Amino acid sequence: MHAFNLQAKPLSLADRLADLAVDALIDEADLSPKPALVDRRGNGAHTDLHLGLMHASALSLWPAFKEMAEAAVEVGEVDSTLREAIGRIGREGEQAMLTTTNGVNTHRGAIWALGLLVTAAALEPQSSSANAVTLRAARLALLDDRYAPKPLSHGAQVALRYGARGAREEAQLGFPSVLQRGLPQLKRSRANASGEQNARLDALLAIMTNLADTCVLYRAGEEGLHAMQSGAQTVLDAGGSASLRGRRRLHELDQQLIALNASPGGAADLLAATLLLDRIERDGILQGAF
């Protein structure tokens, strides 16, 4: 065959969604300067994480996200069969992640959040608004998985201890932190010509203002949670990430959370969910797919 006749094979819907999910995870990891989180500057409040590990972890999850989307296309509706299929795929994806990271939990919460959203988007690709996708994801999250392991994660244990809303409840409610805070702030900051990176930082901060982040609660208790929420609001009140006053407050928040060992990993996962839904809404998941 002549070389000029070779054409790239169009991406399937599942390929496209897996690409978008991994892109969202990498964009979240690269975003800087994030308070107490791994970014291009360093490791934040972590001693076992670094940016290269976050990238490798995100890439290791591509097959799982693709399989979830394929399961949604095959099953075609929100039911227990699909819920249990994506639960199994998610657990297999988690093992692939842990193998890649030598046992370090980099993206366990993100597998849950983005996996649900990828599945929900694949179910009805013509209905790809953030509201529609999160509604389908919530319906999935409300179903039981008979094969899910019973031991509670650290996040679930903390949620019970403090009466906080964990990752499971966030999904079951339709991702309110994303729909009511992350996405609206992202769009407001863009409209104010803050620049894309600053708009994404502002979206993260908006999520942090109200989220009972179980990662922070686990690492730093209620003191850390209060510092995160009030500090994030202070940055936004000072003009956000694009303003000089806001950047000063952001630096102070970063130093305070690092001193408390309070890394807002739950907020970071929800920022990745925000970026995924934003890309689906703006670019369309059918672009480049069959």
Foldseek 3Di string as FASTA:
>chain_A
DDPVPDDDDFAALLLLLLVLLLVLQLVLQAQPDAFQPAYPVFHRLDDLDHSVLSNQLSVLLSVLSSQLLVLLLVVLAQDQVSLQSNVVSLVVSQVSSCVSSVRDDNQNLLSLLSSLLSSLCSSPLVPQALQSSLVRSLSSLPDDHPPDDDDDDLLRVLCVVVVFQGSSNCSNVSNCLQVVQLQVQLVVCVVVVLDNSQSLSLSLLRSLQDHPQSQQCSQQNPVLSVLRNVLSVLLVVLPGPSDPSSVVSSVVSSVVNSVRSGDRPVSSSSSSVNSSSVCCVPVGSCVSHD
